[in-house]
C-alpha atoms as a PDB file:
ATOM      1  CA  ILE A   1       0.000   0.000   0.000  1.00  0.00           C
ATOM      2  CA  GLN A   2       1.346   3.382  -0.880  1.00  0.00           C
ATOM      3  CA  PHE A   3       0.251   6.669   0.585  1.00  0.00           C
ATOM      4  CA  PRO A   4       1.026   9.643  -1.537  1.00  0.00           C
ATOM      5  CA  ILE A   5       2.376  12.501   0.517  1.00  0.00           C
ATOM      6  CA  HIS A   6       2.265  15.969  -0.880  1.00  0.00           C
ATOM      7  CA  GLN A   7       4.961  18.193   0.369  1.00  0.00           C
ATOM      8  CA  VAL A   8       4.296  21.855   0.546  1.00  0.00           C
ATOM      9  CA  PRO A   9       7.392  23.866  -0.216  1.00  0.00           C
ATOM     10  CA  GLN A  10       8.400  25.989   2.710  1.00  0.00           C
ATOM     11  CA  LYS A  11       9.267  29.566   2.212  1.00  0.00           C
ATOM     12  CA  GLU A  12      12.397  30.914   3.729  1.00  0.00           C
ATOM     13  CA  THR A  13      11.382  33.666   6.114  1.00  0.00           C
ATOM     14  CA  PHE A  14      14.694  34.867   7.491  1.00  0.00           C
ATOM     15  CA  LYS A  15      18.381  34.377   7.300  1.00  0.00           C
ATOM     16  CA  ALA A  16      20.698  34.334  10.256  1.00  0.00           C
ATOM     17  CA  VAL A  17      24.239  35.499  10.065  1.00  0.00           C
ATOM     18  CA  PHE A  18      26.610  34.596  12.851  1.00  0.00           C
ATOM     19  CA  GLN A  19      29.856  36.309  13.415  1.00  0.00           C
ATOM     20  CA  THR A  20      32.630  34.989  15.595  1.00  0.00           C
ATOM     21  CA  ILE A  21      33.608  37.256  18.415  1.00  0.00           C
ATOM     22  CA  GLN A  22      37.069  36.945  19.851  1.00  0.00           C
ATOM     23  CA  VAL A  23      37.623  37.962  23.449  1.00  0.00           C
ATOM     24  CA  LEU A  24      41.105  38.995  24.294  1.00  0.00           C
ATOM     25  CA  GLY A  25      42.566  39.058  27.777  1.00  0.00           C
ATOM     26  CA  GLY A  26      41.069  37.507  30.873  1.00  0.00           C
ATOM     27  CA  SER A  27      42.173  34.272  32.396  1.00  0.00           C
ATOM     28  CA  GLU A  28      40.837  30.796  32.361  1.00  0.00           C
ATOM     29  CA  THR A  29      39.930  29.296  35.712  1.00  0.00           C
ATOM     30  CA  LYS A  30      39.963  25.569  36.168  1.00  0.00           C
ATOM     31  CA  ILE A  31      37.754  23.956  38.737  1.00  0.00           C
ATOM     32  CA  ASN A  32      39.527  21.037  40.346  1.00  0.00           C
ATOM     33  CA  ALA A  33      36.622  18.762  41.161  1.00  0.00           C
ATOM     34  CA  LEU A  34      37.251  15.402  42.762  1.00  0.00           C
ATOM     35  CA  PRO A  35      35.991  12.416  40.841  1.00  0.00           C
ATOM     36  CA  ILE A  36      32.837  10.886  42.307  1.00  0.00           C
ATOM     37  CA  GLU A  37      34.699   7.697  43.260  1.00  0.00           C
ATOM     38  CA  THR A  38      37.206   9.648  45.347  1.00  0.00           C
ATOM     39  CA  THR A  39      34.453  11.651  47.024  1.00  0.00           C
ATOM     40  CA  LEU A  40      32.520   8.490  47.904  1.00  0.00           C
ATOM     41  CA  MET A  41      35.663   6.769  49.230  1.00  0.00           C
ATOM     42  CA  VAL A  42      36.497   9.751  51.444  1.00  0.00           C
ATOM     43  CA  LEU A  43      32.902   9.826  52.719  1.00  0.00           C
ATOM     44  CA  TYR A  44      32.974   6.060  53.425  1.00  0.00           C
ATOM     45  CA  ILE A  45      36.283   6.253  55.297  1.00  0.00           C
ATOM     46  CA  ALA A  46      35.032   9.234  57.319  1.00  0.00           C
ATOM     47  CA  GLY A  47      31.969   7.201  58.321  1.00  0.00           C
ATOM     48  CA  VAL A  48      34.091   4.197  59.291  1.00  0.00           C
ATOM     49  CA  ILE A  49      36.363   6.405  61.402  1.00  0.00           C
ATOM     50  CA  PHE A  50      33.357   8.044  63.100  1.00  0.00           C
ATOM     51  CA  PHE A  51      31.639   4.757  63.989  1.00  0.00           C
ATOM     52  CA  LEU A  52      34.907   3.106  65.010  1.00  0.00           C
ATOM     53  CA  ALA A  53      35.657   6.043  67.325  1.00  0.00           C
ATOM     54  CA  ARG A  54      32.163   5.799  68.817  1.00  0.00           C
ATOM     55  CA  PHE A  55      32.647   2.053  69.390  1.00  0.00           C
ATOM     56  CA  LEU A  56      36.058   2.536  71.033  1.00  0.00           C
ATOM     57  CA  ILE A  57      34.702   5.310  73.259  1.00  0.00           C
ATOM     58  CA  GLY A  58      31.994   2.884  74.426  1.00  0.00           C
ATOM     59  CA  LEU A  59      34.624   0.249  75.247  1.00  0.00           C
ATOM     60  CA  PHE A  60      36.691   2.780  77.183  1.00  0.00           C
ATOM     61  CA  GLN A  61      33.589   3.835  79.110  1.00  0.00           C
ATOM     62  CA  ILE A  62      33.003   0.208  80.112  1.00  0.00           C
ATOM     63  CA  ARG A  63      36.668  -0.038  81.110  1.00  0.00           C
ATOM     64  CA  GLY A  64      36.237   3.076  83.266  1.00  0.00           C
ATOM     65  CA  ILE A  65      33.222   1.537  84.970  1.00  0.00           C
ATOM     66  CA  VAL A  66      35.201  -1.673  85.616  1.00  0.00           C
ATOM     67  CA  LYS A  67      38.024   0.267  87.286  1.00  0.00           C
ATOM     68  CA  LYS A  68      35.741   2.257  89.583  1.00  0.00           C
ATOM     69  CA  ALA A  69      33.169  -0.449  90.371  1.00  0.00           C
ATOM     70  CA  GLN A  70      33.236  -2.588  93.497  1.00  0.00           C
ATOM     71  CA  ASP A  71      33.073  -6.381  93.398  1.00  0.00           C
ATOM     72  CA  TYR A  72      30.131  -8.088  95.093  1.00  0.00           C
ATOM     73  CA  TYR A  73      29.032 -11.663  95.533  1.00  0.00           C
ATOM     74  CA  LYS A  74      25.528 -12.818  96.292  1.00  0.00           C
ATOM     75  CA  GLU A  75      23.971 -16.264  95.997  1.00  0.00           C
ATOM     76  CA  GLY A  76      26.643 -17.511  93.620  1.00  0.00           C
ATOM     77  CA  TYR A  77      26.646 -14.399  91.437  1.00  0.00           C
ATOM     78  CA  HIS A  78      29.706 -12.217  90.968  1.00  0.00           C
ATOM     79  CA  PHE A  79      28.832  -8.701  89.893  1.00  0.00           C
ATOM     80  CA  LYS A  80      30.095  -5.135  90.028  1.00  0.00           C
ATOM     81  CA  ILE A  81      28.293  -2.234  91.654  1.00  0.00           C
ATOM     82  CA  THR A  82      28.898   1.214  90.211  1.00  0.00           C
ATOM     83  CA  SER A  83      27.978   4.641  91.498  1.00  0.00           C
ATOM     84  CA  LYS A  84      27.023   5.715  87.972  1.00  0.00           C
ATOM     85  CA  GLU A  85      23.325   5.641  87.190  1.00  0.00           C
ATOM     86  CA  ILE A  86      23.168   2.926  84.546  1.00  0.00           C
ATOM     87  CA  ALA A  87      20.739   0.293  83.454  1.00  0.00           C
ATOM     88  CA  PRO A  88      21.942  -3.153  84.518  1.00  0.00           C
ATOM     89  CA  PHE A  89      23.956  -4.871  81.798  1.00  0.00           C
ATOM     90  CA  SER A  90      26.483  -7.608  81.253  1.00  0.00           C
ATOM     91  CA  PHE A  91      29.678  -7.560  79.239  1.00  0.00           C
ATOM     92  CA  TRP A  92      31.568 -10.816  78.697  1.00  0.00           C
ATOM     93  CA  LYS A  93      31.439 -12.526  82.098  1.00  0.00           C
ATOM     94  CA  THR A  94      30.755  -9.453  84.202  1.00  0.00           C
ATOM     95  CA  ILE A  95      27.428  -8.073  85.395  1.00  0.00           C
ATOM     96  CA  PHE A  96      27.238  -4.333  86.061  1.00  0.00           C
ATOM     97  CA  ILE A  97      24.597  -2.923  88.376  1.00  0.00           C
ATOM     98  CA  ASP A  98      23.831   0.544  89.631  1.00  0.00           C
ATOM     99  CA  GLU A  99      24.140   0.848  93.428  1.00  0.00           C
ATOM    100  CA  ARG A 100      20.395   1.649  93.572  1.00  0.00           C
ATOM    101  CA  TYR A 101      19.723  -2.052  92.979  1.00  0.00           C
ATOM    102  CA  LYS A 102      22.248  -3.299  95.562  1.00  0.00           C
ATOM    103  CA  ASP A 103      19.676  -3.991  98.267  1.00  0.00           C
ATOM    104  CA  SER A 104      16.487  -4.064  96.189  1.00  0.00           C
ATOM    105  CA  ASP A 105      14.059  -6.931  95.854  1.00  0.00           C
ATOM    106  CA  GLU A 106      14.728  -6.946  92.100  1.00  0.00           C
ATOM    107  CA  LEU A 107      18.412  -7.790  92.521  1.00  0.00           C
ATOM    108  CA  ASN A 108      18.033 -11.576  92.193  1.00  0.00           C
ATOM    109  CA  THR A 109      15.873 -11.203  89.081  1.00  0.00           C
ATOM    110  CA  ILE A 110      18.382  -8.780  87.537  1.00  0.00           C
ATOM    111  CA  LEU A 111      21.296 -11.102  88.333  1.00  0.00           C
ATOM    112  CA  LEU A 112      19.453 -14.090  86.859  1.00  0.00           C
ATOM    113  CA  HIS A 113      18.557 -12.083  83.748  1.00  0.00           C
ATOM    114  CA  GLU A 114      22.093 -10.859  83.150  1.00  0.00           C
ATOM    115  CA  SER A 115      23.651 -14.239  83.932  1.00  0.00           C
ATOM    116  CA  ILE A 116      21.585 -15.773  81.116  1.00  0.00           C
ATOM    117  CA  HIS A 117      22.989 -13.156  78.725  1.00  0.00           C
ATOM    118  CA  ILE A 118      26.459 -14.266  79.832  1.00  0.00           C
ATOM    119  CA  GLN A 119      25.701 -18.002  79.532  1.00  0.00           C
ATOM    120  CA  GLN A 120      24.394 -17.554  75.985  1.00  0.00           C
ATOM    121  CA  PHE A 121      27.360 -15.399  74.900  1.00  0.00           C
ATOM    122  CA  HIS A 122      25.206 -12.461  73.814  1.00  0.00           C
ATOM    123  CA  THR A 123      28.204 -10.129  74.059  1.00  0.00           C
ATOM    124  CA  ILE A 124      29.742 -11.855  71.041  1.00  0.00           C
ATOM    125  CA  ASP A 125      26.602 -11.265  68.960  1.00  0.00           C
ATOM    126  CA  VAL A 126      26.480  -7.612  69.949  1.00  0.00           C
ATOM    127  CA  LEU A 127      30.176  -7.090  69.182  1.00  0.00           C
ATOM    128  CA  LEU A 128      29.864  -8.789  65.789  1.00  0.00           C
ATOM    129  CA  PHE A 129      26.957  -6.556  64.835  1.00  0.00           C
ATOM    130  CA  GLU A 130      28.845  -3.497  66.071  1.00  0.00           C
ATOM    131  CA  CYS A 131      31.774  -4.426  63.803  1.00  0.00           C
ATOM    132  CA  ALA A 132      29.429  -5.003  60.869  1.00  0.00           C
ATOM    133  CA  THR A 133      27.827  -1.617  61.514  1.00  0.00           C
ATOM    134  CA  ILE A 134      31.246   0.043  61.505  1.00  0.00           C
ATOM    135  CA  LEU A 135      32.043  -1.437  58.092  1.00  0.00           C
ATOM    136  CA  PHE A 136      28.565  -1.069  56.599  1.00  0.00           C
ATOM    137  CA  TRP A 137      27.448   2.125  58.369  1.00  0.00           C
ATOM    138  CA  PHE A 138      25.786   3.406  55.202  1.00  0.00           C
ATOM    139  CA  ASN A 139      23.384   0.455  54.986  1.00  0.00           C
ATOM    140  CA  PRO A 140      20.220   0.937  57.097  1.00  0.00           C
ATOM    141  CA  ILE A 141      19.553  -2.803  57.158  1.00  0.00           C
ATOM    142  CA  PHE A 142      22.401  -3.310  59.635  1.00  0.00           C
ATOM    143  CA  TYR A 143      20.754  -0.923  62.102  1.00  0.00           C
ATOM    144  CA  PHE A 144      17.551  -2.947  61.884  1.00  0.00           C
ATOM    145  CA  PHE A 145      19.508  -6.203  62.309  1.00  0.00           C
ATOM    146  CA  LYS A 146      21.351  -4.823  65.336  1.00  0.00           C
ATOM    147  CA  LYS A 147      18.120  -3.678  66.956  1.00  0.00           C
ATOM    148  CA  SER A 148      16.440  -6.968  66.120  1.00  0.00           C
ATOM    149  CA  ILE A 149      19.226  -9.114  67.591  1.00  0.00           C
ATOM    150  CA  LYS A 150      19.119  -7.128  70.850  1.00  0.00           C
ATOM    151  CA  GLU A 151      15.353  -7.592  71.036  1.00  0.00           C
ATOM    152  CA  GLN A 152      15.738 -11.321  70.355  1.00  0.00           C
ATOM    153  CA  HIS A 153      18.270 -11.583  73.178  1.00  0.00           C
ATOM    154  CA  GLU A 154      15.819  -9.920  75.551  1.00  0.00           C
ATOM    155  CA  TYR A 155      12.944 -12.186  74.473  1.00  0.00           C
ATOM    156  CA  ILE A 156      15.077 -15.286  74.935  1.00  0.00           C
ATOM    157  CA  VAL A 157      16.297 -14.215  78.368  1.00  0.00           C
ATOM    158  CA  ASP A 158      12.847 -13.096  79.525  1.00  0.00           C
ATOM    159  CA  ASP A 159      11.447 -16.468  78.464  1.00  0.00           C
ATOM    160  CA  VAL A 160      14.101 -18.333  80.463  1.00  0.00           C
ATOM    161  CA  VAL A 161      13.588 -16.093  83.526  1.00  0.00           C
ATOM    162  CA  THR A 162       9.809 -16.532  83.350  1.00  0.00           C
ATOM    163  CA  LYS A 163      10.124 -20.313  83.102  1.00  0.00           C
ATOM    164  CA  SER A 164      12.594 -20.321  85.994  1.00  0.00           C
ATOM    165  CA  LYS A 165      10.289 -18.268  88.214  1.00  0.00           C
ATOM    166  CA  THR A 166       7.331 -20.494  87.289  1.00  0.00           C
ATOM    167  CA  GLU A 167       9.301 -23.620  88.230  1.00  0.00           C
ATOM    168  CA  ASP A 168      10.373 -21.985  91.521  1.00  0.00           C
ATOM    169  CA  ARG A 169       6.742 -21.255  92.387  1.00  0.00           C
ATOM    170  CA  LYS A 170       5.709 -24.814  91.542  1.00  0.00           C
ATOM    171  CA  SER A 171       8.479 -26.290  93.687  1.00  0.00           C
ATOM    172  CA  THR A 172       7.605 -23.906  96.559  1.00  0.00           C
ATOM    173  CA  ARG A 173       3.955 -25.023  96.441  1.00  0.00           C
ATOM    174  CA  LEU A 174       4.947 -28.688  96.382  1.00  0.00           C
ATOM    175  CA  ASN A 175       7.258 -28.271  99.366  1.00  0.00           C
ATOM    176  CA  SER A 176       4.594 -26.437 101.399  1.00  0.00           C
END
């Protein structure tokens, strides 16, 4: 199939004349821009240094607490009491407790809770995720993983503590 196309001749309406203009004098300025790869590498390294410094500061703070804390023993638990107001936590094989809890009724529950963290080596998990976050600080998934693993640790420990307390109540009722 052929379609005949009629072309209408176009009329020339104007002519443009361009002249070259030469500018004398002045100076050329070069902008020294870094390539994108270099900029991204510098940004990545700066992030790694920042998060590594934050991690090391946290370790030195724990070391400072260890040096100033007093050793205590109660019902088979070895723990350290500090004058700093902190939430109870464990690091490796050491439990750290604020002196507010020293004589409280919650002390045994806190010691049991933290001792389970120690028995299940939760410090290793936390340190591994901290190292991964240092290397992959730009990836938001690692922050979600880190938060999730800490929540999982708490759920696991709370489950063990709850089962332990339930068994203690059952054995107390049977002995009565």
